[in-house]
PDB file of all heavy atoms in Angstrom:
ATOM      1  N   THR A   1     -31.011-121.043 -96.327  1.00  0.00           N
ATOM      2  CA  THR A   1     -30.134-120.024 -95.765  1.00  0.00           C
ATOM      3  C   THR A   1     -28.732-120.582 -95.622  1.00  0.00           C
ATOM      4  O   THR A   1     -27.751-119.913 -95.959  1.00  0.00           O
ATOM      5  CB  THR A   1     -30.670-119.564 -94.393  1.00  0.00           C
ATOM      6  OG1 THR A   1     -31.970-119.009 -94.547  1.00  0.00           O
ATOM      7  CG2 THR A   1     -29.756-118.516 -93.783  1.00  0.00           C
ATOM      8  N   TYR A   2     -28.650-121.807 -95.097  1.00  0.00           N
ATOM      9  CA  TYR A   2     -27.320-122.449 -95.011  1.00  0.00           C
ATOM     10  C   TYR A   2     -26.671-122.588 -96.382  1.00  0.00           C
ATOM     11  O   TYR A   2     -25.506-122.233 -96.582  1.00  0.00           O
ATOM     12  CB  TYR A   2     -27.507-123.849 -94.366  1.00  0.00           C
ATOM     13  CG  TYR A   2     -26.401-124.807 -94.666  1.00  0.00           C
ATOM     14  CD1 TYR A   2     -25.181-124.725 -94.000  1.00  0.00           C
ATOM     15  CD2 TYR A   2     -26.577-125.830 -95.582  1.00  0.00           C
ATOM     16  CE1 TYR A   2     -24.122-125.630 -94.284  1.00  0.00           C
ATOM     17  CE2 TYR A   2     -25.554-126.707 -95.897  1.00  0.00           C
ATOM     18  CZ  TYR A   2     -24.355-126.612 -95.228  1.00  0.00           C
ATOM     19  OH  TYR A   2     -23.344-127.489 -95.544  1.00  0.00           O
ATOM     20  N   PHE A   3     -27.455-123.072 -97.360  1.00  0.00           N
ATOM     21  CA  PHE A   3     -26.939-123.235 -98.701  1.00  0.00           C
ATOM     22  C   PHE A   3     -26.530-121.901 -99.330  1.00  0.00           C
ATOM     23  O   PHE A   3     -25.534-121.814-100.045  1.00  0.00           O
ATOM     24  CB  PHE A   3     -27.985-123.930 -99.588  1.00  0.00           C
ATOM     25  CG  PHE A   3     -27.583-124.064-101.045  1.00  0.00           C
ATOM     26  CD1 PHE A   3     -26.553-124.886-101.429  1.00  0.00           C
ATOM     27  CD2 PHE A   3     -28.262-123.328-102.002  1.00  0.00           C
ATOM     28  CE1 PHE A   3     -26.161-125.006-102.761  1.00  0.00           C
ATOM     29  CE2 PHE A   3     -27.917-123.416-103.314  1.00  0.00           C
ATOM     30  CZ  PHE A   3     -26.849-124.272-103.728  1.00  0.00           C
ATOM     31  N   SER A   4     -27.324-120.886 -99.040  1.00  0.00           N
ATOM     32  CA  SER A   4     -27.040-119.557 -99.625  1.00  0.00           C
ATOM     33  C   SER A   4     -25.682-119.014 -99.122  1.00  0.00           C
ATOM     34  O   SER A   4     -24.878-118.553 -99.938  1.00  0.00           O
ATOM     35  CB  SER A   4     -28.153-118.583 -99.238  1.00  0.00           C
ATOM     36  OG  SER A   4     -27.876-117.298 -99.694  1.00  0.00           O
ATOM     37  N   PHE A   5     -25.421-119.123 -97.830  1.00  0.00           N
ATOM     38  CA  PHE A   5     -24.163-118.589 -97.326  1.00  0.00           C
ATOM     39  C   PHE A   5     -22.964-119.463 -97.741  1.00  0.00           C
ATOM     40  O   PHE A   5     -21.834-118.958 -97.927  1.00  0.00           O
ATOM     41  CB  PHE A   5     -24.204-118.410 -95.846  1.00  0.00           C
ATOM     42  CG  PHE A   5     -24.974-117.225 -95.386  1.00  0.00           C
ATOM     43  CD1 PHE A   5     -26.286-117.304 -94.980  1.00  0.00           C
ATOM     44  CD2 PHE A   5     -24.383-115.969 -95.406  1.00  0.00           C
ATOM     45  CE1 PHE A   5     -27.008-116.167 -94.612  1.00  0.00           C
ATOM     46  CE2 PHE A   5     -25.075-114.835 -95.019  1.00  0.00           C
ATOM     47  CZ  PHE A   5     -26.401-114.944 -94.635  1.00  0.00           C
ATOM     48  N   VAL A   6     -23.173-120.770 -97.853  1.00  0.00           N
ATOM     49  CA  VAL A   6     -22.111-121.628 -98.377  1.00  0.00           C
ATOM     50  C   VAL A   6     -21.771-121.243 -99.818  1.00  0.00           C
ATOM     51  O   VAL A   6     -20.573-121.209-100.219  1.00  0.00           O
ATOM     52  CB  VAL A   6     -22.560-123.100 -98.291  1.00  0.00           C
ATOM     53  CG1 VAL A   6     -21.588-124.019 -99.099  1.00  0.00           C
ATOM     54  CG2 VAL A   6     -22.566-123.558 -96.849  1.00  0.00           C
ATOM     55  N   THR A   7     -22.797-120.929-100.612  1.00  0.00           N
ATOM     56  CA  THR A   7     -22.590-120.511-102.024  1.00  0.00           C
ATOM     57  C   THR A   7     -21.966-119.092-102.054  1.00  0.00           C
ATOM     58  O   THR A   7     -21.075-118.857-102.839  1.00  0.00           O
ATOM     59  CB  THR A   7     -23.901-120.522-102.760  1.00  0.00           C
ATOM     60  OG1 THR A   7     -24.510-121.820-102.675  1.00  0.00           O
ATOM     61  CG2 THR A   7     -23.685-120.174-104.228  1.00  0.00           C
ATOM     62  N   LEU A   8     -22.480-118.177-101.229  1.00  0.00           N
ATOM     63  CA  LEU A   8     -21.975-116.785-101.242  1.00  0.00           C
ATOM     64  C   LEU A   8     -20.508-116.750-100.916  1.00  0.00           C
ATOM     65  O   LEU A   8     -19.746-115.925-101.463  1.00  0.00           O
ATOM     66  CB  LEU A   8     -22.805-115.941-100.277  1.00  0.00           C
ATOM     67  CG  LEU A   8     -22.517-114.444-100.283  1.00  0.00           C
ATOM     68  CD1 LEU A   8     -22.929-113.812-101.620  1.00  0.00           C
ATOM     69  CD2 LEU A   8     -23.251-113.760 -99.133  1.00  0.00           C
ATOM     70  N   THR A   9     -20.057-117.597 -99.981  1.00  0.00           N
ATOM     71  CA  THR A   9     -18.673-117.637 -99.570  1.00  0.00           C
ATOM     72  C   THR A   9     -17.837-118.527-100.442  1.00  0.00           C
ATOM     73  O   THR A   9     -16.630-118.692-100.213  1.00  0.00           O
ATOM     74  CB  THR A   9     -18.561-118.080 -98.103  1.00  0.00           C
ATOM     75  OG1 THR A   9     -19.203-119.334 -97.957  1.00  0.00           O
ATOM     76  CG2 THR A   9     -19.203-117.054 -97.195  1.00  0.00           C
ATOM     77  N   THR A  10     -18.480-119.150-101.479  1.00  0.00           N
ATOM     78  CA  THR A  10     -17.856-120.070-102.409  1.00  0.00           C
ATOM     79  C   THR A  10     -17.207-121.250-101.728  1.00  0.00           C
ATOM     80  O   THR A  10     -16.159-121.778-102.197  1.00  0.00           O
ATOM     81  CB  THR A  10     -16.846-119.351-103.356  1.00  0.00           C
ATOM     82  OG1 THR A  10     -15.752-118.866-102.554  1.00  0.00           O
ATOM     83  CG2 THR A  10     -17.478-118.207-104.065  1.00  0.00           C
ATOM     84  N   LEU A  11     -17.763-121.700-100.621  1.00  0.00           N
ATOM     85  CA  LEU A  11     -17.230-122.904 -99.939  1.00  0.00           C
ATOM     86  C   LEU A  11     -17.553-124.151-100.733  1.00  0.00           C
ATOM     87  O   LEU A  11     -16.710-125.004-100.930  1.00  0.00           O
ATOM     88  CB  LEU A  11     -17.774-122.991 -98.514  1.00  0.00           C
ATOM     89  CG  LEU A  11     -17.223-122.012 -97.484  1.00  0.00           C
ATOM     90  CD1 LEU A  11     -17.983-122.142 -96.172  1.00  0.00           C
ATOM     91  CD2 LEU A  11     -15.742-122.218 -97.279  1.00  0.00           C
ATOM     92  N   GLY A  12     -18.860-124.287-101.085  1.00  0.00           N
ATOM     93  CA  GLY A  12     -19.269-125.406-101.927  1.00  0.00           C
ATOM     94  C   GLY A  12     -19.056-126.786-101.307  1.00  0.00           C
ATOM     95  O   GLY A  12     -18.305-127.588-101.791  1.00  0.00           O
ATOM     96  N   TYR A  13     -19.712-127.076-100.176  1.00  0.00           N
ATOM     97  CA  TYR A  13     -19.551-128.378 -99.522  1.00  0.00           C
ATOM     98  C   TYR A  13     -20.096-129.507-100.362  1.00  0.00           C
ATOM     99  O   TYR A  13     -19.528-130.615-100.276  1.00  0.00           O
ATOM    100  CB  TYR A  13     -20.255-128.341 -98.146  1.00  0.00           C
ATOM    101  CG  TYR A  13     -19.570-127.523 -97.100  1.00  0.00           C
ATOM    102  CD1 TYR A  13     -20.267-126.540 -96.402  1.00  0.00           C
ATOM    103  CD2 TYR A  13     -18.232-127.701 -96.809  1.00  0.00           C
ATOM    104  CE1 TYR A  13     -19.626-125.767 -95.436  1.00  0.00           C
ATOM    105  CE2 TYR A  13     -17.542-126.934 -95.875  1.00  0.00           C
ATOM    106  CZ  TYR A  13     -18.285-125.952 -95.159  1.00  0.00           C
ATOM    107  OH  TYR A  13     -17.668-125.205 -94.204  1.00  0.00           O
ATOM    108  N   GLY A  14     -21.126-129.287-101.120  1.00  0.00           N
ATOM    109  CA  GLY A  14     -21.645-130.334-102.010  1.00  0.00           C
ATOM    110  C   GLY A  14     -22.768-131.138-101.424  1.00  0.00           C
ATOM    111  O   GLY A  14     -23.344-131.993-102.132  1.00  0.00           O
ATOM    112  N   ASP A  15     -23.162-130.900-100.163  1.00  0.00           N
ATOM    113  CA  ASP A  15     -24.291-131.629 -99.556  1.00  0.00           C
ATOM    114  C   ASP A  15     -25.625-131.175-100.154  1.00  0.00           C
ATOM    115  O   ASP A  15     -26.576-131.918-100.200  1.00  0.00           O
ATOM    116  CB  ASP A  15     -24.306-131.504 -98.040  1.00  0.00           C
ATOM    117  CG  ASP A  15     -24.206-130.022 -97.569  1.00  0.00           C
ATOM    118  OD1 ASP A  15     -23.821-129.166 -98.416  1.00  0.00           O
ATOM    119  OD2 ASP A  15     -24.502-129.763 -96.411  1.00  0.00           O
ATOM    120  N   ILE A  16     -25.653-129.959-100.630  1.00  0.00           N
ATOM    121  CA  ILE A  16     -26.809-129.400-101.346  1.00  0.00           C
ATOM    122  C   ILE A  16     -26.308-128.839-102.683  1.00  0.00           C
ATOM    123  O   ILE A  16     -25.298-128.149-102.689  1.00  0.00           O
ATOM    124  CB  ILE A  16     -27.525-128.344-100.540  1.00  0.00           C
ATOM    125  CG1 ILE A  16     -28.012-128.887 -99.185  1.00  0.00           C
ATOM    126  CG2 ILE A  16     -28.735-127.790-101.348  1.00  0.00           C
ATOM    127  CD1 ILE A  16     -28.627-127.835 -98.279  1.00  0.00           C
ATOM    128  N   SER A  17     -26.989-129.161-103.746  1.00  0.00           N
ATOM    129  CA  SER A  17     -26.542-128.657-105.065  1.00  0.00           C
ATOM    130  C   SER A  17     -27.755-128.357-105.959  1.00  0.00           C
ATOM    131  O   SER A  17     -28.833-128.917-105.772  1.00  0.00           O
ATOM    132  CB  SER A  17     -25.652-129.725-105.750  1.00  0.00           C
ATOM    133  OG  SER A  17     -26.362-130.938-105.884  1.00  0.00           O
ATOM    134  N   PRO A  18     -27.601-127.479-106.933  1.00  0.00           N
ATOM    135  CA  PRO A  18     -28.694-127.153-107.832  1.00  0.00           C
ATOM    136  C   PRO A  18     -29.052-128.291-108.751  1.00  0.00           C
ATOM    137  O   PRO A  18     -28.170-128.966-109.253  1.00  0.00           O
ATOM    138  CB  PRO A  18     -28.190-125.915-108.576  1.00  0.00           C
ATOM    139  CG  PRO A  18     -26.692-126.070-108.550  1.00  0.00           C
ATOM    140  CD  PRO A  18     -26.390-126.679-107.227  1.00  0.00           C
ATOM    141  N   ALA A  19     -30.356-128.490-109.027  1.00  0.00           N
ATOM    142  CA  ALA A  19     -30.771-129.575-109.836  1.00  0.00           C
ATOM    143  C   ALA A  19     -31.756-129.115-110.924  1.00  0.00           C
ATOM    144  O   ALA A  19     -32.306-129.940-111.664  1.00  0.00           O
ATOM    145  CB  ALA A  19     -31.428-130.717-109.020  1.00  0.00           C
ATOM    146  N   ARG A  20     -31.993-127.831-111.034  1.00  0.00           N
ATOM    147  CA  ARG A  20     -32.861-127.262-112.026  1.00  0.00           C
ATOM    148  C   ARG A  20     -32.157-126.066-112.656  1.00  0.00           C
ATOM    149  O   ARG A  20     -31.342-125.373-112.022  1.00  0.00           O
ATOM    150  CB  ARG A  20     -34.186-126.819-111.423  1.00  0.00           C
ATOM    151  CG  ARG A  20     -35.140-127.953-111.045  1.00  0.00           C
ATOM    152  CD  ARG A  20     -36.009-128.284-112.254  1.00  0.00           C
ATOM    153  NE  ARG A  20     -37.010-129.290-111.922  1.00  0.00           N
ATOM    154  CZ  ARG A  20     -38.042-129.537-112.723  1.00  0.00           C
ATOM    155  NH1 ARG A  20     -38.171-128.925-113.868  1.00  0.00           N
ATOM    156  NH2 ARG A  20     -38.919-130.491-112.387  1.00  0.00           N
ATOM    157  N   PRO A  21     -32.512-125.724-113.924  1.00  0.00           N
ATOM    158  CA  PRO A  21     -31.831-124.574-114.574  1.00  0.00           C
ATOM    159  C   PRO A  21     -31.979-123.312-113.798  1.00  0.00           C
ATOM    160  O   PRO A  21     -31.016-122.498-113.671  1.00  0.00           O
ATOM    161  CB  PRO A  21     -32.567-124.502-115.943  1.00  0.00           C
ATOM    162  CG  PRO A  21     -33.024-125.889-116.209  1.00  0.00           C
ATOM    163  CD  PRO A  21     -33.371-126.455-114.863  1.00  0.00           C
ATOM    164  N   MET A  22     -33.147-123.008-113.207  1.00  0.00           N
ATOM    165  CA  MET A  22     -33.333-121.739-112.485  1.00  0.00           C
ATOM    166  C   MET A  22     -32.459-121.706-111.247  1.00  0.00           C
ATOM    167  O   MET A  22     -31.851-120.668-110.940  1.00  0.00           O
ATOM    168  CB  MET A  22     -34.811-121.551-112.114  1.00  0.00           C
ATOM    169  CG  MET A  22     -35.089-120.231-111.416  1.00  0.00           C
ATOM    170  SD  MET A  22     -34.594-118.794-112.375  1.00  0.00           S
ATOM    171  CE  MET A  22     -35.777-118.904-113.712  1.00  0.00           C
ATOM    172  N   SER A  23     -32.399-122.795-110.523  1.00  0.00           N
ATOM    173  CA  SER A  23     -31.556-122.819-109.329  1.00  0.00           C
ATOM    174  C   SER A  23     -30.077-122.741-109.718  1.00  0.00           C
ATOM    175  O   SER A  23     -29.291-122.149-108.974  1.00  0.00           O
ATOM    176  CB  SER A  23     -31.793-124.101-108.497  1.00  0.00           C
ATOM    177  OG  SER A  23     -31.661-125.258-109.265  1.00  0.00           O
ATOM    178  N   GLU A  24     -29.666-123.319-110.839  1.00  0.00           N
ATOM    179  CA  GLU A  24     -28.319-123.201-111.309  1.00  0.00           C
ATOM    180  C   GLU A  24     -27.941-121.739-111.606  1.00  0.00           C
ATOM    181  O   GLU A  24     -26.863-121.290-111.271  1.00  0.00           O
ATOM    182  CB  GLU A  24     -28.098-124.058-112.532  1.00  0.00           C
ATOM    183  CG  GLU A  24     -28.120-125.586-112.263  1.00  0.00           C
ATOM    184  CD  GLU A  24     -28.035-126.368-113.542  1.00  0.00           C
ATOM    185  OE1 GLU A  24     -28.084-125.760-114.648  1.00  0.00           O
ATOM    186  OE2 GLU A  24     -27.937-127.623-113.451  1.00  0.00           O
ATOM    187  N   VAL A  25     -28.879-121.033-112.233  1.00  0.00           N
ATOM    188  CA  VAL A  25     -28.643-119.605-112.547  1.00  0.00           C
ATOM    189  C   VAL A  25     -28.484-118.794-111.261  1.00  0.00           C
ATOM    190  O   VAL A  25     -27.553-117.942-111.135  1.00  0.00           O
ATOM    191  CB  VAL A  25     -29.786-119.052-113.395  1.00  0.00           C
ATOM    192  CG1 VAL A  25     -29.679-117.502-113.536  1.00  0.00           C
ATOM    193  CG2 VAL A  25     -29.786-119.671-114.778  1.00  0.00           C
ATOM    194  N   LEU A  26     -29.308-119.057-110.262  1.00  0.00           N
ATOM    195  CA  LEU A  26     -29.228-118.330-108.989  1.00  0.00           C
ATOM    196  C   LEU A  26     -27.883-118.616-108.310  1.00  0.00           C
ATOM    197  O   LEU A  26     -27.277-117.734-107.731  1.00  0.00           O
ATOM    198  CB  LEU A  26     -30.375-118.729-108.090  1.00  0.00           C
ATOM    199  CG  LEU A  26     -31.757-118.196-108.473  1.00  0.00           C
ATOM    200  CD1 LEU A  26     -32.849-118.702-107.536  1.00  0.00           C
ATOM    201  CD2 LEU A  26     -31.791-116.659-108.512  1.00  0.00           C
ATOM    202  N   VAL A  27     -27.482-119.866-108.382  1.00  0.00           N
ATOM    203  CA  VAL A  27     -26.177-120.223-107.757  1.00  0.00           C
ATOM    204  C   VAL A  27     -25.025-119.515-108.434  1.00  0.00           C
ATOM    205  O   VAL A  27     -24.125-118.993-107.760  1.00  0.00           O
ATOM    206  CB  VAL A  27     -25.970-121.769-107.833  1.00  0.00           C
ATOM    207  CG1 VAL A  27     -24.519-122.158-107.495  1.00  0.00           C
ATOM    208  CG2 VAL A  27     -26.902-122.461-106.861  1.00  0.00           C
ATOM    209  N   ILE A  28     -25.039-119.462-109.758  1.00  0.00           N
ATOM    210  CA  ILE A  28     -24.014-118.761-110.494  1.00  0.00           C
ATOM    211  C   ILE A  28     -23.935-117.287-110.111  1.00  0.00           C
ATOM    212  O   ILE A  28     -22.876-116.709-109.805  1.00  0.00           O
ATOM    213  CB  ILE A  28     -24.226-118.909-112.016  1.00  0.00           C
ATOM    214  CG1 ILE A  28     -24.004-120.350-112.440  1.00  0.00           C
ATOM    215  CG2 ILE A  28     -23.274-118.019-112.815  1.00  0.00           C
ATOM    216  CD1 ILE A  28     -24.389-120.671-113.865  1.00  0.00           C
ATOM    217  N   LEU A  29     -25.129-116.646-110.094  1.00  0.00           N
ATOM    218  CA  LEU A  29     -25.178-115.231-109.763  1.00  0.00           C
ATOM    219  C   LEU A  29     -24.710-114.955-108.309  1.00  0.00           C
ATOM    220  O   LEU A  29     -23.975-113.982-108.077  1.00  0.00           O
ATOM    221  CB  LEU A  29     -26.582-114.681-109.947  1.00  0.00           C
ATOM    222  CG  LEU A  29     -27.121-114.674-111.413  1.00  0.00           C
ATOM    223  CD1 LEU A  29     -28.537-114.235-111.460  1.00  0.00           C
ATOM    224  CD2 LEU A  29     -26.249-113.771-112.261  1.00  0.00           C
ATOM    225  N   GLU A  30     -25.094-115.851-107.428  1.00  0.00           N
ATOM    226  CA  GLU A  30     -24.685-115.628-106.036  1.00  0.00           C
ATOM    227  C   GLU A  30     -23.181-115.830-105.828  1.00  0.00           C
ATOM    228  O   GLU A  30     -22.516-115.126-105.119  1.00  0.00           O
ATOM    229  CB  GLU A  30     -25.461-116.513-105.073  1.00  0.00           C
ATOM    230  CG  GLU A  30     -25.141-116.242-103.629  1.00  0.00           C
ATOM    231  CD  GLU A  30     -25.991-117.033-102.662  1.00  0.00           C
ATOM    232  OE1 GLU A  30     -26.558-118.051-103.078  1.00  0.00           O
ATOM    233  OE2 GLU A  30     -26.063-116.639-101.482  1.00  0.00           O
ATOM    234  N   ALA A  31     -22.646-116.850-106.502  1.00  0.00           N
ATOM    235  CA  ALA A  31     -21.219-117.119-106.440  1.00  0.00           C
ATOM    236  C   ALA A  31     -20.392-115.936-106.977  1.00  0.00           C
ATOM    237  O   ALA A  31     -19.386-115.546-106.394  1.00  0.00           O
ATOM    238  CB  ALA A  31     -20.858-118.428-107.175  1.00  0.00           C
ATOM    239  N   ILE A  32     -20.855-115.368-108.101  1.00  0.00           N
ATOM    240  CA  ILE A  32     -20.184-114.225-108.680  1.00  0.00           C
ATOM    241  C   ILE A  32     -20.264-113.032-107.706  1.00  0.00           C
ATOM    242  O   ILE A  32     -19.258-112.328-107.479  1.00  0.00           O
ATOM    243  CB  ILE A  32     -20.806-113.852-110.023  1.00  0.00           C
ATOM    244  CG1 ILE A  32     -20.492-114.928-111.050  1.00  0.00           C
ATOM    245  CG2 ILE A  32     -20.257-112.519-110.513  1.00  0.00           C
ATOM    246  CD1 ILE A  32     -21.224-114.735-112.348  1.00  0.00           C
ATOM    247  N   THR A  33     -21.424-112.827-107.112  1.00  0.00           N
ATOM    248  CA  THR A  33     -21.588-111.744-106.125  1.00  0.00           C
ATOM    249  C   THR A  33     -20.648-111.906-104.946  1.00  0.00           C
ATOM    250  O   THR A  33     -20.014-110.970-104.484  1.00  0.00           O
ATOM    251  CB  THR A  33     -23.052-111.682-105.651  1.00  0.00           C
ATOM    252  OG1 THR A  33     -23.910-111.474-106.745  1.00  0.00           O
ATOM    253  CG2 THR A  33     -23.210-110.568-104.644  1.00  0.00           C
ATOM    254  N   GLY A  34     -20.565-113.142-104.448  1.00  0.00           N
ATOM    255  CA  GLY A  34     -19.686-113.418-103.309  1.00  0.00           C
ATOM    256  C   GLY A  34     -18.229-113.179-103.600  1.00  0.00           C
ATOM    257  O   GLY A  34     -17.508-112.627-102.781  1.00  0.00           O
ATOM    258  N   MET A  35     -17.816-113.510-104.803  1.00  0.00           N
ATOM    259  CA  MET A  35     -16.401-113.363-105.233  1.00  0.00           C
ATOM    260  C   MET A  35     -16.030-111.869-105.335  1.00  0.00           C
ATOM    261  O   MET A  35     -14.932-111.466-104.930  1.00  0.00           O
ATOM    262  CB  MET A  35     -16.151-114.072-106.536  1.00  0.00           C
ATOM    263  CG  MET A  35     -16.146-115.581-106.452  1.00  0.00           C
ATOM    264  SD  MET A  35     -15.911-116.391-108.064  1.00  0.00           S
ATOM    265  CE  MET A  35     -14.263-115.820-108.433  1.00  0.00           C
ATOM    266  N   PHE A  36     -16.953-111.072-105.887  1.00  0.00           N
ATOM    267  CA  PHE A  36     -16.637-109.709-106.172  1.00  0.00           C
ATOM    268  C   PHE A  36     -17.007-108.770-105.004  1.00  0.00           C
ATOM    269  O   PHE A  36     -16.641-107.582-105.040  1.00  0.00           O
ATOM    270  CB  PHE A  36     -17.318-109.224-107.446  1.00  0.00           C
ATOM    271  CG  PHE A  36     -16.651-109.710-108.717  1.00  0.00           C
ATOM    272  CD1 PHE A  36     -17.057-110.870-109.351  1.00  0.00           C
ATOM    273  CD2 PHE A  36     -15.539-108.993-109.221  1.00  0.00           C
ATOM    274  CE1 PHE A  36     -16.427-111.328-110.471  1.00  0.00           C
ATOM    275  CE2 PHE A  36     -14.914-109.461-110.386  1.00  0.00           C
ATOM    276  CZ  PHE A  36     -15.330-110.605-111.003  1.00  0.00           C
ATOM    277  N   TYR A  37     -17.768-109.273-104.075  1.00  0.00           N
ATOM    278  CA  TYR A  37     -18.223-108.388-102.971  1.00  0.00           C
ATOM    279  C   TYR A  37     -17.056-107.792-102.241  1.00  0.00           C
ATOM    280  O   TYR A  37     -17.028-106.598-101.957  1.00  0.00           O
ATOM    281  CB  TYR A  37     -19.124-109.127-102.018  1.00  0.00           C
ATOM    282  CG  TYR A  37     -19.588-108.280-100.853  1.00  0.00           C
ATOM    283  CD1 TYR A  37     -20.731-107.481-100.939  1.00  0.00           C
ATOM    284  CD2 TYR A  37     -18.875-108.335 -99.618  1.00  0.00           C
ATOM    285  CE1 TYR A  37     -21.114-106.702 -99.893  1.00  0.00           C
ATOM    286  CE2 TYR A  37     -19.292-107.516 -98.567  1.00  0.00           C
ATOM    287  CZ  TYR A  37     -20.417-106.743 -98.701  1.00  0.00           C
ATOM    288  OH  TYR A  37     -20.821-105.943 -97.661  1.00  0.00           O
TER     289      TYR A  37
END
């Protein structure tokens, strides 16, 4: 939940990061959603 809101708001602290292709795709989609919301 913490990581999700950090990604949604595009803060990107870096303490948690995607390490698998599926998690990378989810991060990309959430970041795009946060930017355009």
